[in-house]
Amino acid sequence: MMKCIKFISNRLSTTRFVDKIYMLEDGRIIEQGNHDTLLALKGKYADFTESFICILLNDSL
């Protein structure tokens, strides 16, 4: 039996390892795929990821 778990996260560390990520904007799915696929699209998910990394780097300085 296959199990499905849904969760909502704004933490990149939890989204990197899931099978399917849905990026929402105004209540609509604008991108979907796994972490690597969404980064390759260079869309909103990639922008979110880049922003997250910049925040982490600035906080550690």
C-alpha atoms as a PDB file:
ATOM      1  CA  MET A   1       0.000   0.000   0.000  1.00  0.00           C
ATOM      2  CA  MET A   2       1.354   3.411  -0.988  1.00  0.00           C
ATOM      3  CA  LYS A   3       1.091   6.215   1.538  1.00  0.00           C
ATOM      4  CA  CYS A   4       0.659   9.880   0.795  1.00  0.00           C
ATOM      5  CA  ILE A   5       1.527  12.629   3.232  1.00  0.00           C
ATOM      6  CA  LYS A   6       0.738  16.289   2.613  1.00  0.00           C
ATOM      7  CA  PHE A   7       2.446  19.077   4.487  1.00  0.00           C
ATOM      8  CA  ILE A   8       2.934  22.771   4.011  1.00  0.00           C
ATOM      9  CA  SER A   9       6.391  24.153   4.571  1.00  0.00           C
ATOM     10  CA  ASN A  10       8.397  27.282   4.013  1.00  0.00           C
ATOM     11  CA  ARG A  11      11.545  25.546   5.195  1.00  0.00           C
ATOM     12  CA  LEU A  12      13.852  24.565   2.377  1.00  0.00           C
ATOM     13  CA  SER A  13      15.467  21.830   4.453  1.00  0.00           C
ATOM     14  CA  THR A  14      12.208  19.870   4.534  1.00  0.00           C
ATOM     15  CA  THR A  15      11.327  20.308   0.863  1.00  0.00           C
ATOM     16  CA  ARG A  16      14.612  19.081  -0.614  1.00  0.00           C
ATOM     17  CA  PHE A  17      13.828  15.411  -0.115  1.00  0.00           C
ATOM     18  CA  VAL A  18      10.144  15.087  -1.036  1.00  0.00           C
ATOM     19  CA  ASP A  19       8.949  13.503  -4.273  1.00  0.00           C
ATOM     20  CA  LYS A  20       6.700  16.347  -5.387  1.00  0.00           C
ATOM     21  CA  ILE A  21       6.690  20.046  -4.511  1.00  0.00           C
ATOM     22  CA  TYR A  22       3.890  22.426  -5.468  1.00  0.00           C
ATOM     23  CA  MET A  23       4.742  26.130  -5.571  1.00  0.00           C
ATOM     24  CA  LEU A  24       1.635  28.244  -4.990  1.00  0.00           C
ATOM     25  CA  GLU A  25       0.890  31.843  -5.839  1.00  0.00           C
ATOM     26  CA  ASP A  26      -2.471  33.473  -5.182  1.00  0.00           C
ATOM     27  CA  GLY A  27      -3.914  30.051  -4.379  1.00  0.00           C
ATOM     28  CA  ARG A  28      -2.853  28.504  -7.688  1.00  0.00           C
ATOM     29  CA  ILE A  29      -0.151  25.979  -8.495  1.00  0.00           C
ATOM     30  CA  ILE A  30       2.451  27.791 -10.583  1.00  0.00           C
ATOM     31  CA  GLU A  31       5.239  25.180 -10.518  1.00  0.00           C
ATOM     32  CA  GLN A  32       5.509  21.514  -9.596  1.00  0.00           C
ATOM     33  CA  GLY A  33       8.253  18.929  -9.478  1.00  0.00           C
ATOM     34  CA  ASN A  34      11.026  17.814  -7.165  1.00  0.00           C
ATOM     35  CA  HIS A  35      13.694  20.118  -5.754  1.00  0.00           C
ATOM     36  CA  ASP A  36      16.187  19.642  -8.589  1.00  0.00           C
ATOM     37  CA  THR A  37      13.564  20.005 -11.332  1.00  0.00           C
ATOM     38  CA  LEU A  38      12.229  23.223  -9.841  1.00  0.00           C
ATOM     39  CA  LEU A  39      15.704  24.698  -9.490  1.00  0.00           C
ATOM     40  CA  ALA A  40      16.364  23.928 -13.152  1.00  0.00           C
ATOM     41  CA  LEU A  41      13.181  25.816 -14.141  1.00  0.00           C
ATOM     42  CA  LYS A  42      14.693  28.987 -12.611  1.00  0.00           C
ATOM     43  CA  GLY A  43      11.251  30.189 -11.600  1.00  0.00           C
ATOM     44  CA  LYS A  44       9.640  31.233  -8.320  1.00  0.00           C
ATOM     45  CA  TYR A  45      10.872  28.175  -6.400  1.00  0.00           C
ATOM     46  CA  ALA A  46      14.442  28.848  -7.509  1.00  0.00           C
ATOM     47  CA  ASP A  47      14.038  32.505  -6.473  1.00  0.00           C
ATOM     48  CA  PHE A  48      12.718  31.403  -3.063  1.00  0.00           C
ATOM     49  CA  THR A  49      15.663  29.032  -2.657  1.00  0.00           C
ATOM     50  CA  GLU A  50      18.191  31.710  -3.591  1.00  0.00           C
ATOM     51  CA  SER A  51      16.602  34.204  -1.184  1.00  0.00           C
ATOM     52  CA  PHE A  52      16.649  31.632   1.609  1.00  0.00           C
ATOM     53  CA  ILE A  53      20.354  30.916   1.072  1.00  0.00           C
ATOM     54  CA  CYS A  54      21.167  34.650   1.015  1.00  0.00           C
ATOM     55  CA  ILE A  55      19.352  35.130   4.329  1.00  0.00           C
ATOM     56  CA  LEU A  56      21.284  32.249   5.880  1.00  0.00           C
ATOM     57  CA  LEU A  57      24.603  33.628   4.652  1.00  0.00           C
ATOM     58  CA  ASN A  58      23.859  37.142   5.908  1.00  0.00           C
ATOM     59  CA  ASP A  59      22.770  35.842   9.304  1.00  0.00           C
ATOM     60  CA  SER A  60      25.995  33.881   9.693  1.00  0.00           C
ATOM     61  CA  LEU A  61      28.267  36.866   8.973  1.00  0.00           C
END
